[in-house]
Amino acid sequence: MRISGITIPDEKQIAYGLTAVFGVGLSRSKAILLELNIDPAVKPTTLTTDQENAIREKVESFQIEGDLKREISSNIKRLKDIQSYRGSRHAKRLPARGQRTKTNARTLKGAKKTMGSGRRKLEKT
């Protein structure tokens, strides 16, 4: 089963498989299946063609994949352009929502960079 160019894994339950599509999380996936009266525990291989088409139609009615990524990047660009605090944090690749940076924040800051090799002994002259 494919939805907007993404293959839904056959070995996972349909509720978890739909989360492979960018913009569809577990809660949205379960809400879609509940609305369409489809068991969330069923595997994608056992779905009928009508059920597949209904799921595909419902998922594609949301903003997903490329459109959603474009909107997110344009929102970040707008924040940078108006020189807001959040925009400057994005530009500096630092956390934008008030998290501490003395420790943690490794996801955005990257791996630790060691500065120097410690204290040096003063040589006698």
Protein backbone atom coordinates (compact mmCIF):
# COMPACT_ATOMS: atom_id res chain seq x y z
CA MET A 1 0.00 0.00 0.00
CA ARG A 2 1.34 3.43 -1.00
CA ILE A 3 0.19 6.87 0.12
CA SER A 4 1.62 9.94 -1.66
CA GLY A 5 4.80 8.12 -2.67
CA ILE A 6 5.42 6.47 0.73
CA THR A 7 5.16 2.69 1.09
CA ILE A 8 3.29 1.63 4.22
CA PRO A 9 5.18 -1.30 5.85
CA ASP A 10 3.27 -4.60 5.47
CA GLU A 11 4.58 -6.19 8.68
CA LYS A 12 3.27 -3.43 11.01
CA GLN A 13 -0.29 -2.83 12.17
CA ILE A 14 -2.00 -0.23 9.98
CA ALA A 15 -2.23 2.32 12.83
CA TYR A 16 1.57 2.27 13.24
CA GLY A 17 2.31 1.85 9.54
CA LEU A 18 0.49 5.08 8.63
CA THR A 19 2.97 7.01 10.79
CA ALA A 20 5.58 6.43 8.05
CA VAL A 21 3.91 9.33 6.23
CA PHE A 22 5.36 12.69 7.34
CA GLY A 23 2.56 14.63 9.02
CA VAL A 24 0.62 11.58 10.27
CA GLY A 25 1.31 10.67 13.87
CA LEU A 26 -0.19 7.90 15.94
CA SER A 27 -3.14 9.94 17.24
CA ARG A 28 -4.09 11.16 13.74
CA SER A 29 -3.66 7.64 12.37
CA LYS A 30 -5.98 6.17 14.99
CA ALA A 31 -8.52 8.98 14.45
CA ILE A 32 -8.59 8.28 10.70
CA LEU A 33 -9.09 4.55 11.24
CA LEU A 34 -11.79 5.14 13.86
CA GLU A 35 -13.65 7.46 11.48
CA LEU A 36 -13.47 4.88 8.68
CA ASN A 37 -14.46 1.97 11.02
CA ILE A 38 -11.25 0.04 10.35
CA ASP A 39 -9.56 -2.02 13.08
CA PRO A 40 -6.21 -0.34 13.94
CA ALA A 41 -4.62 -3.73 14.70
CA VAL A 42 -5.14 -5.14 11.19
CA LYS A 43 -2.14 -5.50 8.84
CA PRO A 44 -2.12 -3.53 5.55
CA THR A 45 -2.01 -6.78 3.53
CA THR A 46 -5.48 -7.80 4.77
CA LEU A 47 -7.21 -4.54 3.79
CA THR A 48 -9.67 -4.50 0.93
CA THR A 49 -9.16 -2.18 -2.03
CA ASP A 50 -12.06 0.00 -0.90
CA GLN A 51 -10.55 0.37 2.57
CA GLU A 52 -7.13 1.22 1.09
CA ASN A 53 -8.65 3.88 -1.14
CA ALA A 54 -10.65 5.35 1.76
CA ILE A 55 -7.53 5.56 3.94
CA ARG A 56 -5.49 7.06 1.08
CA GLU A 57 -8.19 9.65 0.37
CA LYS A 58 -8.53 10.61 4.04
CA VAL A 59 -4.75 10.89 4.64
CA GLU A 60 -4.23 12.98 1.49
CA SER A 61 -6.94 15.41 2.63
CA PHE A 62 -4.45 16.58 5.29
CA GLN A 63 -1.32 18.58 4.59
CA ILE A 64 1.43 15.94 4.45
CA GLU A 65 4.94 15.24 3.12
CA GLY A 66 6.37 17.91 0.78
CA ASP A 67 3.67 20.54 1.33
CA LEU A 68 4.01 20.28 5.12
CA LYS A 69 7.83 20.39 4.99
CA ARG A 70 7.65 23.46 2.72
CA GLU A 71 5.27 25.23 5.12
CA ILE A 72 7.47 24.45 8.14
CA SER A 73 10.60 25.75 6.40
CA SER A 74 8.79 28.90 5.22
CA ASN A 75 7.59 29.54 8.80
CA ILE A 76 11.17 29.27 10.07
CA LYS A 77 12.40 31.52 7.25
CA ARG A 78 9.73 34.10 8.15
CA LEU A 79 10.90 34.08 11.79
CA LYS A 80 14.48 34.65 10.62
CA ASP A 81 13.44 37.44 8.23
CA ILE A 82 11.55 39.41 10.88
CA GLN A 83 14.54 38.90 13.20
CA SER A 84 12.51 37.46 16.04
CA TYR A 85 14.18 35.78 19.01
CA ARG A 86 13.01 32.34 17.85
CA GLY A 87 14.33 33.06 14.36
CA SER A 88 17.76 33.95 15.74
CA ARG A 89 17.80 30.72 17.76
CA HIS A 90 17.02 28.74 14.59
CA ALA A 91 19.77 30.58 12.71
CA LYS A 92 22.31 29.78 15.46
CA ARG A 93 21.18 26.13 15.56
CA LEU A 94 20.21 26.36 19.24
CA PRO A 95 17.00 25.29 21.05
CA ALA A 96 14.19 27.76 20.33
CA ARG A 97 11.80 26.95 23.18
CA GLY A 98 13.63 27.91 26.35
CA GLN A 99 15.60 24.74 27.04
CA ARG A 100 18.92 24.98 28.85
CA THR A 101 22.12 24.87 26.81
CA LYS A 102 24.86 24.64 29.45
CA THR A 103 24.29 20.90 29.46
CA ASN A 104 22.09 18.89 27.09
CA ALA A 105 20.94 20.44 23.76
CA ARG A 106 23.19 17.90 22.00
CA THR A 107 20.67 17.23 19.24
CA LEU A 108 20.98 20.74 17.85
CA LYS A 109 24.51 21.61 18.93
CA GLY A 110 26.05 18.35 17.68
CA ALA A 111 28.80 16.29 19.27
CA LYS A 112 30.96 17.80 22.03
CA LYS A 113 33.96 19.79 20.91
CA THR A 114 36.80 19.61 23.43
CA MET A 115 38.62 22.89 23.91
CA GLY A 116 42.40 22.54 24.37
CA SER A 117 44.16 19.85 26.37
CA GLY A 118 43.79 21.16 29.92
CA ARG A 119 46.33 23.06 31.95
CA ARG A 120 49.90 23.28 30.83
CA LYS A 121 52.81 23.23 33.24
CA LEU A 122 54.94 26.34 33.23
CA GLU A 123 58.44 25.52 32.14
CA LYS A 124 61.36 26.79 34.23
CA THR A 125 63.79 29.03 32.38
